[in-house]
Amino acid sequence: ADWIINDWGGIHSLKDFGKINIDIKNFYDKKQIGKDKINDLK
């Protein structure tokens, strides 16, 4: 995630990866809970 945001995306101002880490966790959780929480992102 750090490489994608900083090196590939050139977004050097982002310091808090909390939401991104949650998105990744939700991606793997959806297979177990049967719901894709990423669908709720605004």
Full PDB file with SEQRES, HELIX, SHEET, SSBOND, CRYST1, ORIGX, SCALE, CONECT and MASTER records, all heavy atoms in Angstrom:
SEQRES   1 A   42  ALA ASP TRP ILE ILE ASN ASP TRP GLY GLY ILE HIS SER          
SEQRES   2 A   42  LEU LYS ASP PHE GLY LYS ILE ASN ILE ASP ILE LYS ASN          
SEQRES   3 A   42  PHE TYR ASP LYS LYS GLN ILE GLY LYS ASP LYS ILE ASN          
SEQRES   4 A   42  ASP LEU LYS                                                  
HELIX    1 AA1 ASP A    2  ASP A    2  1                                   1    
HELIX    2 AA2 TRP A    3  TRP A    8  3                                   6    
HELIX    3 AA3 GLY A   18  ILE A   33  1                                  16    
HELIX    4 AA4 LYS A   37  ASP A   40  5                                   4    
CRYST1    1.000    1.000    1.000  90.00  90.00  90.00 P 1           1          
ORIGX1      1.000000  0.000000  0.000000        0.00000                         
ORIGX2      0.000000  1.000000  0.000000        0.00000                         
ORIGX3      0.000000  0.000000  1.000000        0.00000                         
SCALE1      1.000000  0.000000  0.000000        0.00000                         
SCALE2      0.000000  1.000000  0.000000        0.00000                         
SCALE3      0.000000  0.000000  1.000000        0.00000                         
ATOM      1  N   ALA A   1       0.831  -1.208   0.000  1.00  0.00           N  
ATOM      2  CA  ALA A   1       0.000   0.000   0.000  1.00  0.00           C  
ATOM      3  C   ALA A   1       0.865   1.258   0.000  1.00  0.00           C  
ATOM      4  O   ALA A   1       0.581   2.231  -0.707  1.00  0.00           O  
ATOM      5  CB  ALA A   1      -0.941  -0.005   1.204  1.00  0.00           C  
ATOM      6  N   ASP A   2       1.918   1.228   0.783  1.00  0.00           N  
ATOM      7  CA  ASP A   2       2.830   2.367   0.855  1.00  0.00           C  
ATOM      8  C   ASP A   2       3.474   2.632  -0.501  1.00  0.00           C  
ATOM      9  O   ASP A   2       3.581   3.786  -0.939  1.00  0.00           O  
ATOM     10  CB  ASP A   2       3.904   2.109   1.916  1.00  0.00           C  
ATOM     11  CG  ASP A   2       4.846   3.290   2.068  1.00  0.00           C  
ATOM     12  OD1 ASP A   2       4.456   4.274   2.721  1.00  0.00           O  
ATOM     13  OD2 ASP A   2       5.971   3.241   1.520  1.00  0.00           O  
ATOM     14  N   TRP A   3       3.907   1.569  -1.188  1.00  0.00           N  
ATOM     15  CA  TRP A   3       4.528   1.744  -2.498  1.00  0.00           C  
ATOM     16  C   TRP A   3       3.519   2.285  -3.510  1.00  0.00           C  
ATOM     17  O   TRP A   3       3.825   3.181  -4.294  1.00  0.00           O  
ATOM     18  CB  TRP A   3       5.108   0.418  -3.019  1.00  0.00           C  
ATOM     19  CG  TRP A   3       5.816   0.620  -4.326  1.00  0.00           C  
ATOM     20  CD1 TRP A   3       7.119   0.992  -4.512  1.00  0.00           C  
ATOM     21  CD2 TRP A   3       5.236   0.531  -5.642  1.00  0.00           C  
ATOM     22  NE1 TRP A   3       7.383   1.146  -5.855  1.00  0.00           N  
ATOM     23  CE2 TRP A   3       6.261   0.872  -6.570  1.00  0.00           C  
ATOM     24  CE3 TRP A   3       3.974   0.209  -6.118  1.00  0.00           C  
ATOM     25  CZ2 TRP A   3       6.044   0.875  -7.956  1.00  0.00           C  
ATOM     26  CZ3 TRP A   3       3.750   0.230  -7.492  1.00  0.00           C  
ATOM     27  CH2 TRP A   3       4.775   0.549  -8.393  1.00  0.00           C  
ATOM     28  N   ILE A   4       2.305   1.744  -3.499  1.00  0.00           N  
ATOM     29  CA  ILE A   4       1.276   2.181  -4.447  1.00  0.00           C  
ATOM     30  C   ILE A   4       0.950   3.658  -4.251  1.00  0.00           C  
ATOM     31  O   ILE A   4       0.859   4.424  -5.223  1.00  0.00           O  
ATOM     32  CB  ILE A   4       0.000   1.324  -4.284  1.00  0.00           C  
ATOM     33  CG1 ILE A   4       0.268  -0.115  -4.740  1.00  0.00           C  
ATOM     34  CG2 ILE A   4      -1.158   1.922  -5.083  1.00  0.00           C  
ATOM     35  CD1 ILE A   4      -0.810  -1.096  -4.316  1.00  0.00           C  
ATOM     36  N   ILE A   5       0.783   4.083  -3.007  1.00  0.00           N  
ATOM     37  CA  ILE A   5       0.402   5.469  -2.736  1.00  0.00           C  
ATOM     38  C   ILE A   5       1.558   6.427  -2.991  1.00  0.00           C  
ATOM     39  O   ILE A   5       1.399   7.444  -3.675  1.00  0.00           O  
ATOM     40  CB  ILE A   5      -0.092   5.620  -1.280  1.00  0.00           C  
ATOM     41  CG1 ILE A   5      -1.376   4.815  -1.068  1.00  0.00           C  
ATOM     42  CG2 ILE A   5      -0.322   7.098  -0.947  1.00  0.00           C  
ATOM     43  CD1 ILE A   5      -2.526   5.225  -1.950  1.00  0.00           C  
ATOM     44  N   ASN A   6       2.720   6.118  -2.479  1.00  0.00           N  
ATOM     45  CA  ASN A   6       3.843   7.045  -2.558  1.00  0.00           C  
ATOM     46  C   ASN A   6       4.622   6.954  -3.869  1.00  0.00           C  
ATOM     47  O   ASN A   6       4.799   7.962  -4.568  1.00  0.00           O  
ATOM     48  CB  ASN A   6       4.793   6.819  -1.379  1.00  0.00           C  
ATOM     49  CG  ASN A   6       4.219   7.309  -0.067  1.00  0.00           C  
ATOM     50  OD1 ASN A   6       4.105   8.499   0.160  1.00  0.00           O  
ATOM     51  ND2 ASN A   6       3.853   6.386   0.809  1.00  0.00           N  
ATOM     52  N   ASP A   7       5.084   5.765  -4.219  1.00  0.00           N  
ATOM     53  CA  ASP A   7       5.952   5.617  -5.390  1.00  0.00           C  
ATOM     54  C   ASP A   7       5.160   5.627  -6.699  1.00  0.00           C  
ATOM     55  O   ASP A   7       5.515   6.334  -7.647  1.00  0.00           O  
ATOM     56  CB  ASP A   7       6.770   4.326  -5.295  1.00  0.00           C  
ATOM     57  CG  ASP A   7       7.802   4.371  -4.194  1.00  0.00           C  
ATOM     58  OD1 ASP A   7       7.475   4.865  -3.097  1.00  0.00           O  
ATOM     59  OD2 ASP A   7       8.938   3.921  -4.400  1.00  0.00           O  
ATOM     60  N   TRP A   8       4.107   4.840  -6.747  1.00  0.00           N  
ATOM     61  CA  TRP A   8       3.326   4.782  -7.987  1.00  0.00           C  
ATOM     62  C   TRP A   8       2.373   5.969  -8.098  1.00  0.00           C  
ATOM     63  O   TRP A   8       2.297   6.616  -9.138  1.00  0.00           O  
ATOM     64  CB  TRP A   8       2.521   3.481  -8.053  1.00  0.00           C  
ATOM     65  CG  TRP A   8       1.774   3.325  -9.340  1.00  0.00           C  
ATOM     66  CD1 TRP A   8       2.252   2.831 -10.524  1.00  0.00           C  
ATOM     67  CD2 TRP A   8       0.407   3.704  -9.583  1.00  0.00           C  
ATOM     68  NE1 TRP A   8       1.272   2.870 -11.483  1.00  0.00           N  
ATOM     69  CE2 TRP A   8       0.129   3.411 -10.943  1.00  0.00           C  
ATOM     70  CE3 TRP A   8      -0.597   4.259  -8.794  1.00  0.00           C  
ATOM     71  CZ2 TRP A   8      -1.119   3.645 -11.517  1.00  0.00           C  
ATOM     72  CZ3 TRP A   8      -1.836   4.503  -9.364  1.00  0.00           C  
ATOM     73  CH2 TRP A   8      -2.088   4.195 -10.717  1.00  0.00           C  
ATOM     74  N   GLY A   9       1.652   6.264  -7.028  1.00  0.00           N  
ATOM     75  CA  GLY A   9       0.645   7.319  -7.074  1.00  0.00           C  
ATOM     76  C   GLY A   9       1.171   8.721  -6.870  1.00  0.00           C  
ATOM     77  O   GLY A   9       0.518   9.691  -7.234  1.00  0.00           O  
ATOM     78  N   GLY A  10       2.365   8.841  -6.289  1.00  0.00           N  
ATOM     79  CA  GLY A  10       2.942  10.160  -6.058  1.00  0.00           C  
ATOM     80  C   GLY A  10       2.196  10.983  -5.030  1.00  0.00           C  
ATOM     81  O   GLY A  10       2.268  12.211  -5.011  1.00  0.00           O  
ATOM     82  N   ILE A  11       1.460  10.308  -4.134  1.00  0.00           N  
ATOM     83  CA  ILE A  11       0.705  11.019  -3.084  1.00  0.00           C  
ATOM     84  C   ILE A  11       1.553  11.011  -1.813  1.00  0.00           C  
ATOM     85  O   ILE A  11       1.427  10.125  -0.974  1.00  0.00           O  
ATOM     86  CB  ILE A  11      -0.661  10.361  -2.831  1.00  0.00           C  
ATOM     87  CG1 ILE A  11      -1.455  10.250  -4.142  1.00  0.00           C  
ATOM     88  CG2 ILE A  11      -1.465  11.166  -1.800  1.00  0.00           C  
ATOM     89  CD1 ILE A  11      -2.763   9.524  -4.001  1.00  0.00           C  
ATOM     90  N   HIS A  12       2.412  11.989  -1.681  1.00  0.00           N  
ATOM     91  CA  HIS A  12       3.333  12.018  -0.546  1.00  0.00           C  
ATOM     92  C   HIS A  12       2.739  12.698   0.683  1.00  0.00           C  
ATOM     93  O   HIS A  12       3.342  12.672   1.759  1.00  0.00           O  
ATOM     94  CB  HIS A  12       4.631  12.722  -0.961  1.00  0.00           C  
ATOM     95  CG  HIS A  12       5.300  12.097  -2.147  1.00  0.00           C  
ATOM     96  ND1 HIS A  12       5.806  10.813  -2.128  1.00  0.00           N  
ATOM     97  CD2 HIS A  12       5.499  12.565  -3.407  1.00  0.00           C  
ATOM     98  CE1 HIS A  12       6.319  10.521  -3.308  1.00  0.00           C  
ATOM     99  NE2 HIS A  12       6.144  11.569  -4.106  1.00  0.00           N  
ATOM    100  N   SER A  13       1.571  13.294   0.522  1.00  0.00           N  
ATOM    101  CA  SER A  13       0.950  14.003   1.643  1.00  0.00           C  
ATOM    102  C   SER A  13       0.172  13.074   2.567  1.00  0.00           C  
ATOM    103  O   SER A  13      -0.159  13.451   3.689  1.00  0.00           O  
ATOM    104  CB  SER A  13       0.011  15.087   1.112  1.00  0.00           C  
ATOM    105  OG  SER A  13      -1.005  14.513   0.291  1.00  0.00           O  
ATOM    106  N   LEU A  14      -0.109  11.849   2.102  1.00  0.00           N  
ATOM    107  CA  LEU A  14      -0.899  10.927   2.920  1.00  0.00           C  
ATOM    108  C   LEU A  14      -0.019  10.283   3.992  1.00  0.00           C  
ATOM    109  O   LEU A  14       0.949   9.589   3.691  1.00  0.00           O  
ATOM    110  CB  LEU A  14      -1.520   9.831   2.040  1.00  0.00           C  
ATOM    111  CG  LEU A  14      -2.447   8.848   2.766  1.00  0.00           C  
ATOM    112  CD1 LEU A  14      -3.686   9.576   3.289  1.00  0.00           C  
ATOM    113  CD2 LEU A  14      -2.863   7.711   1.840  1.00  0.00           C  
ATOM    114  N   LYS A  15      -0.369  10.507   5.238  1.00  0.00           N  
ATOM    115  CA  LYS A  15       0.409   9.964   6.354  1.00  0.00           C  
ATOM    116  C   LYS A  15      -0.353   8.878   7.108  1.00  0.00           C  
ATOM    117  O   LYS A  15       0.259   7.984   7.700  1.00  0.00           O  
ATOM    118  CB  LYS A  15       0.783  11.096   7.330  1.00  0.00           C  
ATOM    119  CG  LYS A  15       1.537  12.256   6.692  1.00  0.00           C  
ATOM    120  CD  LYS A  15       2.832  11.823   6.027  1.00  0.00           C  
ATOM    121  CE  LYS A  15       3.559  13.014   5.403  1.00  0.00           C  
ATOM    122  NZ  LYS A  15       4.768  12.594   4.659  1.00  0.00           N  
ATOM    123  N   ASP A  16      -1.665   8.971   7.082  1.00  0.00           N  
ATOM    124  CA  ASP A  16      -2.497   8.018   7.822  1.00  0.00           C  
ATOM    125  C   ASP A  16      -3.078   6.980   6.856  1.00  0.00           C  
ATOM    126  O   ASP A  16      -3.926   7.299   6.013  1.00  0.00           O  
ATOM    127  CB  ASP A  16      -3.624   8.762   8.539  1.00  0.00           C  
ATOM    128  CG  ASP A  16      -4.465   7.842   9.405  1.00  0.00           C  
ATOM    129  OD1 ASP A  16      -4.151   6.628   9.488  1.00  0.00           O  
ATOM    130  OD2 ASP A  16      -5.448   8.327  10.002  1.00  0.00           O  
ATOM    131  N   PHE A  17      -2.617   5.744   6.977  1.00  0.00           N  
ATOM    132  CA  PHE A  17      -3.067   4.662   6.104  1.00  0.00           C  
ATOM    133  C   PHE A  17      -4.173   3.833   6.773  1.00  0.00           C  
ATOM    134  O   PHE A  17      -4.474   2.735   6.318  1.00  0.00           O  
ATOM    135  CB  PHE A  17      -1.889   3.752   5.742  1.00  0.00           C  
ATOM    136  CG  PHE A  17      -1.023   4.293   4.636  1.00  0.00           C  
ATOM    137  CD1 PHE A  17      -0.251   5.428   4.821  1.00  0.00           C  
ATOM    138  CD2 PHE A  17      -0.973   3.662   3.403  1.00  0.00           C  
ATOM    139  CE1 PHE A  17       0.557   5.924   3.804  1.00  0.00           C  
ATOM    140  CE2 PHE A  17      -0.183   4.143   2.382  1.00  0.00           C  
ATOM    141  CZ  PHE A  17       0.589   5.283   2.581  1.00  0.00           C  
ATOM    142  N   GLY A  18      -4.764   4.376   7.837  1.00  0.00           N  
ATOM    143  CA  GLY A  18      -5.754   3.627   8.597  1.00  0.00           C  
ATOM    144  C   GLY A  18      -6.923   3.141   7.763  1.00  0.00           C  
ATOM    145  O   GLY A  18      -7.296   1.963   7.815  1.00  0.00           O  
ATOM    146  N   LYS A  19      -7.505   4.034   6.961  1.00  0.00           N  
ATOM    147  CA  LYS A  19      -8.660   3.659   6.143  1.00  0.00           C  
ATOM    148  C   LYS A  19      -8.272   2.641   5.074  1.00  0.00           C  
ATOM    149  O   LYS A  19      -9.042   1.731   4.751  1.00  0.00           O  
ATOM    150  CB  LYS A  19      -9.275   4.901   5.497  1.00  0.00           C  
ATOM    151  CG  LYS A  19      -9.954   5.834   6.488  1.00  0.00           C  
ATOM    152  CD  LYS A  19     -10.564   7.040   5.786  1.00  0.00           C  
ATOM    153  CE  LYS A  19     -11.259   7.960   6.781  1.00  0.00           C  
ATOM    154  NZ  LYS A  19     -11.831   9.170   6.118  1.00  0.00           N  
ATOM    155  N   ILE A  20      -7.086   2.811   4.521  1.00  0.00           N  
ATOM    156  CA  ILE A  20      -6.616   1.875   3.490  1.00  0.00           C  
ATOM    157  C   ILE A  20      -6.404   0.489   4.090  1.00  0.00           C  
ATOM    158  O   ILE A  20      -6.780  -0.529   3.489  1.00  0.00           O  
ATOM    159  CB  ILE A  20      -5.314   2.396   2.845  1.00  0.00           C  
ATOM    160  CG1 ILE A  20      -5.618   3.643   2.007  1.00  0.00           C  
ATOM    161  CG2 ILE A  20      -4.656   1.315   1.982  1.00  0.00           C  
ATOM    162  CD1 ILE A  20      -4.410   4.336   1.455  1.00  0.00           C  
ATOM    163  N   ASN A  21      -5.824   0.431   5.270  1.00  0.00           N  
ATOM    164  CA  ASN A  21      -5.621  -0.858   5.942  1.00  0.00           C  
ATOM    165  C   ASN A  21      -6.957  -1.539   6.248  1.00  0.00           C  
ATOM    166  O   ASN A  21      -7.085  -2.765   6.137  1.00  0.00           O  
ATOM    167  CB  ASN A  21      -4.823  -0.656   7.231  1.00  0.00           C  
ATOM    168  CG  ASN A  21      -3.397  -0.183   6.970  1.00  0.00           C  
ATOM    169  OD1 ASN A  21      -2.843  -0.438   5.901  1.00  0.00           O  
ATOM    170  ND2 ASN A  21      -2.809   0.519   7.917  1.00  0.00           N  
ATOM    171  N   ILE A  22      -7.952  -0.734   6.612  1.00  0.00           N  
ATOM    172  CA  ILE A  22      -9.290  -1.281   6.880  1.00  0.00           C  
ATOM    173  C   ILE A  22      -9.909  -1.825   5.589  1.00  0.00           C  
ATOM    174  O   ILE A  22     -10.537  -2.885   5.588  1.00  0.00           O  
ATOM    175  CB  ILE A  22     -10.198  -0.208   7.511  1.00  0.00           C  
ATOM    176  CG1 ILE A  22      -9.729   0.109   8.932  1.00  0.00           C  
ATOM    177  CG2 ILE A  22     -11.663  -0.678   7.539  1.00  0.00           C  
ATOM    178  CD1 ILE A  22     -10.444   1.279   9.577  1.00  0.00           C  
ATOM    179  N   ASP A  23      -9.717  -1.103   4.478  1.00  0.00           N  
ATOM    180  CA  ASP A  23     -10.239  -1.568   3.188  1.00  0.00           C  
ATOM    181  C   ASP A  23      -9.656  -2.932   2.822  1.00  0.00           C  
ATOM    182  O   ASP A  23     -10.378  -3.816   2.342  1.00  0.00           O  
ATOM    183  CB  ASP A  23      -9.910  -0.568   2.088  1.00  0.00           C  
ATOM    184  CG  ASP A  23     -10.688   0.733   2.213  1.00  0.00           C  
ATOM    185  OD1 ASP A  23     -11.736   0.729   2.894  1.00  0.00           O  
ATOM    186  OD2 ASP A  23     -10.250   1.731   1.629  1.00  0.00           O  
ATOM    187  N   ILE A  24      -8.359  -3.091   3.029  1.00  0.00           N  
ATOM    188  CA  ILE A  24      -7.699  -4.366   2.705  1.00  0.00           C  
ATOM    189  C   ILE A  24      -8.268  -5.481   3.578  1.00  0.00           C  
ATOM    190  O   ILE A  24      -8.570  -6.577   3.096  1.00  0.00           O  
ATOM    191  CB  ILE A  24      -6.173  -4.250   2.888  1.00  0.00           C  
ATOM    192  CG1 ILE A  24      -5.594  -3.243   1.881  1.00  0.00           C  
ATOM    193  CG2 ILE A  24      -5.510  -5.622   2.706  1.00  0.00           C  
ATOM    194  CD1 ILE A  24      -4.124  -2.932   2.091  1.00  0.00           C  
ATOM    195  N   LYS A  25      -8.428  -5.175   4.865  1.00  0.00           N  
ATOM    196  CA  LYS A  25      -8.988  -6.175   5.779  1.00  0.00           C  
ATOM    197  C   LYS A  25     -10.424  -6.522   5.388  1.00  0.00           C  
ATOM    198  O   LYS A  25     -10.819  -7.704   5.402  1.00  0.00           O  
ATOM    199  CB  LYS A  25      -8.945  -5.664   7.224  1.00  0.00           C  
ATOM    200  CG  LYS A  25      -9.333  -6.700   8.269  1.00  0.00           C  
ATOM    201  CD  LYS A  25      -9.163  -6.138   9.673  1.00  0.00           C  
ATOM    202  CE  LYS A  25      -9.434  -7.207  10.721  1.00  0.00           C  
ATOM    203  NZ  LYS A  25     -10.784  -7.799  10.594  1.00  0.00           N  
ATOM    204  N   ASN A  26     -11.207  -5.517   5.014  1.00  0.00           N  
ATOM    205  CA  ASN A  26     -12.588  -5.763   4.601  1.00  0.00           C  
ATOM    206  C   ASN A  26     -12.648  -6.626   3.345  1.00  0.00           C  
ATOM    207  O   ASN A  26     -13.572  -7.425   3.171  1.00  0.00           O  
ATOM    208  CB  ASN A  26     -13.312  -4.437   4.347  1.00  0.00           C  
ATOM    209  CG  ASN A  26     -13.698  -3.728   5.629  1.00  0.00           C  
ATOM    210  OD1 ASN A  26     -13.812  -4.342   6.687  1.00  0.00           O  
ATOM    211  ND2 ASN A  26     -13.910  -2.427   5.551  1.00  0.00           N  
ATOM    212  N   PHE A  27     -11.665  -6.471   2.476  1.00  0.00           N  
ATOM    213  CA  PHE A  27     -11.623  -7.277   1.259  1.00  0.00           C  
ATOM    214  C   PHE A  27     -11.504  -8.760   1.601  1.00  0.00           C  
ATOM    215  O   PHE A  27     -12.192  -9.598   1.024  1.00  0.00           O  
ATOM    216  CB  PHE A  27     -10.441  -6.843   0.382  1.00  0.00           C  
ATOM    217  CG  PHE A  27     -10.181  -7.768  -0.773  1.00  0.00           C  
ATOM    218  CD1 PHE A  27     -11.004  -7.747  -1.896  1.00  0.00           C  
ATOM    219  CD2 PHE A  27      -9.126  -8.671  -0.734  1.00  0.00           C  
ATOM    220  CE1 PHE A  27     -10.764  -8.616  -2.967  1.00  0.00           C  
ATOM    221  CE2 PHE A  27      -8.884  -9.533  -1.798  1.00  0.00           C  
ATOM    222  CZ  PHE A  27      -9.702  -9.504  -2.913  1.00  0.00           C  
ATOM    223  N   TYR A  28     -10.646  -9.081   2.546  1.00  0.00           N  
ATOM    224  CA  TYR A  28     -10.468 -10.485   2.932  1.00  0.00           C  
ATOM    225  C   TYR A  28     -11.608 -10.968   3.826  1.00  0.00           C  
ATOM    226  O   TYR A  28     -11.968 -12.148   3.788  1.00  0.00           O  
ATOM    227  CB  TYR A  28      -9.116 -10.677   3.624  1.00  0.00           C  
ATOM    228  CG  TYR A  28      -7.953 -10.558   2.656  1.00  0.00           C  
ATOM    229  CD1 TYR A  28      -7.163  -9.414   2.616  1.00  0.00           C  
ATOM    230  CD2 TYR A  28      -7.669 -11.585   1.770  1.00  0.00           C  
ATOM    231  CE1 TYR A  28      -6.107  -9.291   1.721  1.00  0.00           C  
ATOM    232  CE2 TYR A  28      -6.611 -11.471   0.866  1.00  0.00           C  
ATOM    233  CZ  TYR A  28      -5.848 -10.329   0.851  1.00  0.00           C  
ATOM    234  OH  TYR A  28      -4.812 -10.212  -0.045  1.00  0.00           O  
ATOM    235  N   ASP A  29     -12.199 -10.064   4.596  1.00  0.00           N  
ATOM    236  CA  ASP A  29     -13.315 -10.436   5.475  1.00  0.00           C  
ATOM    237  C   ASP A  29     -14.573 -10.801   4.693  1.00  0.00           C  
ATOM    238  O   ASP A  29     -15.384 -11.617   5.136  1.00  0.00           O  
ATOM    239  CB  ASP A  29     -13.659  -9.279   6.424  1.00  0.00           C  
ATOM    240  CG  ASP A  29     -12.685  -9.174   7.587  1.00  0.00           C  
ATOM    241  OD1 ASP A  29     -11.893 -10.117   7.770  1.00  0.00           O  
ATOM    242  OD2 ASP A  29     -12.717  -8.152   8.291  1.00  0.00           O  
ATOM    243  N   LYS A  30     -14.753 -10.187   3.506  1.00  0.00           N  
ATOM    244  CA  LYS A  30     -16.016 -10.365   2.778  1.00  0.00           C  
ATOM    245  C   LYS A  30     -16.246 -11.827   2.394  1.00  0.00           C  
ATOM    246  O   LYS A  30     -17.387 -12.264   2.267  1.00  0.00           O  
ATOM    247  CB  LYS A  30     -16.047  -9.480   1.535  1.00  0.00           C  
ATOM    248  CG  LYS A  30     -15.136  -9.909   0.394  1.00  0.00           C  
ATOM    249  CD  LYS A  30     -15.304  -8.986  -0.794  1.00  0.00           C  
ATOM    250  CE  LYS A  30     -14.428  -9.420  -1.954  1.00  0.00           C  
ATOM    251  NZ  LYS A  30     -14.593  -8.553  -3.136  1.00  0.00           N  
ATOM    252  N   LYS A  31     -15.170 -12.578   2.231  1.00  0.00           N  
ATOM    253  CA  LYS A  31     -15.316 -13.988   1.873  1.00  0.00           C  
ATOM    254  C   LYS A  31     -15.889 -14.801   3.034  1.00  0.00           C  
ATOM    255  O   LYS A  31     -16.516 -15.832   2.831  1.00  0.00           O  
ATOM    256  CB  LYS A  31     -13.963 -14.555   1.445  1.00  0.00           C  
ATOM    257  CG  LYS A  31     -13.383 -13.875   0.211  1.00  0.00           C  
ATOM    258  CD  LYS A  31     -12.000 -14.399  -0.128  1.00  0.00           C  
ATOM    259  CE  LYS A  31     -11.425 -13.682  -1.337  1.00  0.00           C  
ATOM    260  NZ  LYS A  31     -10.063 -14.151  -1.671  1.00  0.00           N  
ATOM    261  N   GLN A  32     -15.665 -14.302   4.255  1.00  0.00           N  
ATOM    262  CA  GLN A  32     -16.153 -14.998   5.437  1.00  0.00           C  
ATOM    263  C   GLN A  32     -17.530 -14.509   5.881  1.00  0.00           C  
ATOM    264  O   GLN A  32     -18.381 -15.305   6.253  1.00  0.00           O  
ATOM    265  CB  GLN A  32     -15.144 -14.839   6.585  1.00  0.00           C  
ATOM    266  CG  GLN A  32     -13.800 -15.500   6.306  1.00  0.00           C  
ATOM    267  CD  GLN A  32     -12.862 -15.382   7.505  1.00  0.00           C  
ATOM    268  OE1 GLN A  32     -13.187 -14.746   8.501  1.00  0.00           O  
ATOM    269  NE2 GLN A  32     -11.710 -16.007   7.403  1.00  0.00           N  
ATOM    270  N   ILE A  33     -17.734 -13.185   5.831  1.00  0.00           N  
ATOM    271  CA  ILE A  33     -18.992 -12.632   6.330  1.00  0.00           C  
ATOM    272  C   ILE A  33     -20.059 -12.503   5.240  1.00  0.00           C  
ATOM    273  O   ILE A  33     -21.221 -12.233   5.526  1.00  0.00           O  
ATOM    274  CB  ILE A  33     -18.773 -11.260   6.999  1.00  0.00           C  
ATOM    275  CG1 ILE A  33     -18.316 -10.214   5.961  1.00  0.00           C  
ATOM    276  CG2 ILE A  33     -17.765 -11.370   8.126  1.00  0.00           C  
ATOM    277  CD1 ILE A  33     -18.180  -8.818   6.536  1.00  0.00           C  
ATOM    278  N   GLY A  34     -19.649 -12.693   3.970  1.00  0.00           N  
ATOM    279  CA  GLY A  34     -20.615 -12.650   2.874  1.00  0.00           C  
ATOM    280  C   GLY A  34     -21.098 -11.263   2.515  1.00  0.00           C  
ATOM    281  O   GLY A  34     -22.124 -11.102   1.862  1.00  0.00           O  
ATOM    282  N   LYS A  35     -20.382 -10.229   2.933  1.00  0.00           N  
ATOM    283  CA  LYS A  35     -20.743  -8.854   2.612  1.00  0.00           C  
ATOM    284  C   LYS A  35     -19.513  -8.061   2.232  1.00  0.00           C  
ATOM    285  O   LYS A  35     -18.479  -8.166   2.893  1.00  0.00           O  
ATOM    286  CB  LYS A  35     -21.446  -8.175   3.802  1.00  0.00           C  
ATOM    287  CG  LYS A  35     -21.849  -6.732   3.526  1.00  0.00           C  
ATOM    288  CD  LYS A  35     -22.467  -6.062   4.742  1.00  0.00           C  
ATOM    289  CE  LYS A  35     -22.817  -4.622   4.440  1.00  0.00           C  
ATOM    290  NZ  LYS A  35     -23.386  -3.922   5.613  1.00  0.00           N  
ATOM    291  N   ASP A  36     -19.630  -7.290   1.162  1.00  0.00           N  
ATOM    292  CA  ASP A  36     -18.520  -6.464   0.721  1.00  0.00           C  
ATOM    293  C   ASP A  36     -18.718  -5.037   1.247  1.00  0.00           C  
ATOM    294  O   ASP A  36     -19.478  -4.250   0.677  1.00  0.00           O  
ATOM    295  CB  ASP A  36     -18.441  -6.458  -0.807  1.00  0.00           C  
ATOM    296  CG  ASP A  36     -17.169  -5.781  -1.326  1.00  0.00           C  
ATOM    297  OD1 ASP A  36     -16.430  -5.225  -0.495  1.00  0.00           O  
ATOM    298  OD2 ASP A  36     -16.937  -5.816  -2.540  1.00  0.00           O  
ATOM    299  N   LYS A  37     -18.049  -4.713   2.351  1.00  0.00           N  
ATOM    300  CA  LYS A  37     -18.195  -3.386   2.949  1.00  0.00           C  
ATOM    301  C   LYS A  37     -17.624  -2.289   2.059  1.00  0.00           C  
ATOM    302  O   LYS A  37     -17.949  -1.107   2.229  1.00  0.00           O  
ATOM    303  CB  LYS A  37     -17.501  -3.354   4.318  1.00  0.00           C  
ATOM    304  CG  LYS A  37     -18.168  -4.241   5.360  1.00  0.00           C  
ATOM    305  CD  LYS A  37     -17.456  -4.128   6.702  1.00  0.00           C  
ATOM    306  CE  LYS A  37     -18.122  -5.001   7.754  1.00  0.00           C  
ATOM    307  NZ  LYS A  37     -17.431  -4.916   9.065  1.00  0.00           N  
ATOM    308  N   ILE A  38     -16.776  -2.686   1.116  1.00  0.00           N  
ATOM    309  CA  ILE A  38     -16.200  -1.710   0.198  1.00  0.00           C  
ATOM    310  C   ILE A  38     -17.284  -1.078  -0.667  1.00  0.00           C  
ATOM    311  O   ILE A  38     -17.151   0.051  -1.136  1.00  0.00           O  
ATOM    312  CB  ILE A  38     -15.103  -2.375  -0.658  1.00  0.00           C  
ATOM    313  CG1 ILE A  38     -13.931  -2.794   0.258  1.00  0.00           C  
ATOM    314  CG2 ILE A  38     -14.579  -1.448  -1.750  1.00  0.00           C  
ATOM    315  CD1 ILE A  38     -12.909  -3.679  -0.390  1.00  0.00           C  
ATOM    316  N   ASN A  39     -18.377  -1.804  -0.863  1.00  0.00           N  
ATOM    317  CA  ASN A  39     -19.499  -1.263  -1.636  1.00  0.00           C  
ATOM    318  C   ASN A  39     -20.090  -0.014  -1.003  1.00  0.00           C  
ATOM    319  O   ASN A  39     -20.749   0.785  -1.669  1.00  0.00           O  
ATOM    320  CB  ASN A  39     -20.612  -2.317  -1.781  1.00  0.00           C  
ATOM    321  CG  ASN A  39     -20.275  -3.373  -2.813  1.00  0.00           C  
ATOM    322  OD1 ASN A  39     -19.480  -3.146  -3.710  1.00  0.00           O  
ATOM    323  ND2 ASN A  39     -20.887  -4.533  -2.681  1.00  0.00           N  
ATOM    324  N   ASP A  40     -19.879   0.157   0.305  1.00  0.00           N  
ATOM    325  CA  ASP A  40     -20.470   1.282   1.023  1.00  0.00           C  
ATOM    326  C   ASP A  40     -19.628   2.561   0.935  1.00  0.00           C  
ATOM    327  O   ASP A  40     -20.064   3.615   1.416  1.00  0.00           O  
ATOM    328  CB  ASP A  40     -20.658   0.931   2.509  1.00  0.00           C  
ATOM    329  CG  ASP A  40     -21.602  -0.261   2.704  1.00  0.00           C  
ATOM    330  OD1 ASP A  40     -22.508  -0.429   1.866  1.00  0.00           O  
ATOM    331  OD2 ASP A  40     -21.411  -1.012   3.684  1.00  0.00           O  
ATOM    332  N   LEU A  41     -18.445   2.488   0.328  1.00  0.00           N  
ATOM    333  CA  LEU A  41     -17.570   3.655   0.273  1.00  0.00           C  
ATOM    334  C   LEU A  41     -18.207   4.777  -0.538  1.00  0.00           C  
ATOM    335  O   LEU A  41     -18.736   4.566  -1.623  1.00  0.00           O  
ATOM    336  CB  LEU A  41     -16.216   3.294  -0.349  1.00  0.00           C  
ATOM    337  CG  LEU A  41     -15.348   2.284   0.407  1.00  0.00           C  
ATOM    338  CD1 LEU A  41     -14.020   2.070  -0.326  1.00  0.00           C  
ATOM    339  CD2 LEU A  41     -15.084   2.762   1.828  1.00  0.00           C  
ATOM    340  N   LYS A  42     -18.148   5.983  -0.005  1.00  0.00           N  
ATOM    341  CA  LYS A  42     -18.688   7.147  -0.679  1.00  0.00           C  
ATOM    342  C   LYS A  42     -17.616   7.816  -1.541  1.00  0.00           C  
ATOM    343  O   LYS A  42     -16.419   7.646  -1.326  1.00  0.00           O  
ATOM    344  CB  LYS A  42     -19.219   8.161   0.348  1.00  0.00           C  
ATOM    345  CG  LYS A  42     -20.355   7.640   1.216  1.00  0.00           C  
ATOM    346  CD  LYS A  42     -21.601   7.391   0.385  1.00  0.00           C  
ATOM    347  CE  LYS A  42     -22.773   6.958   1.272  1.00  0.00           C  
ATOM    348  NZ  LYS A  42     -23.995   6.684   0.460  1.00  0.00           N  
TER     349      LYS A  42                                                      
MASTER        0    0    0    4    0    0    0    6  348    1    0    4          
END                                                                             
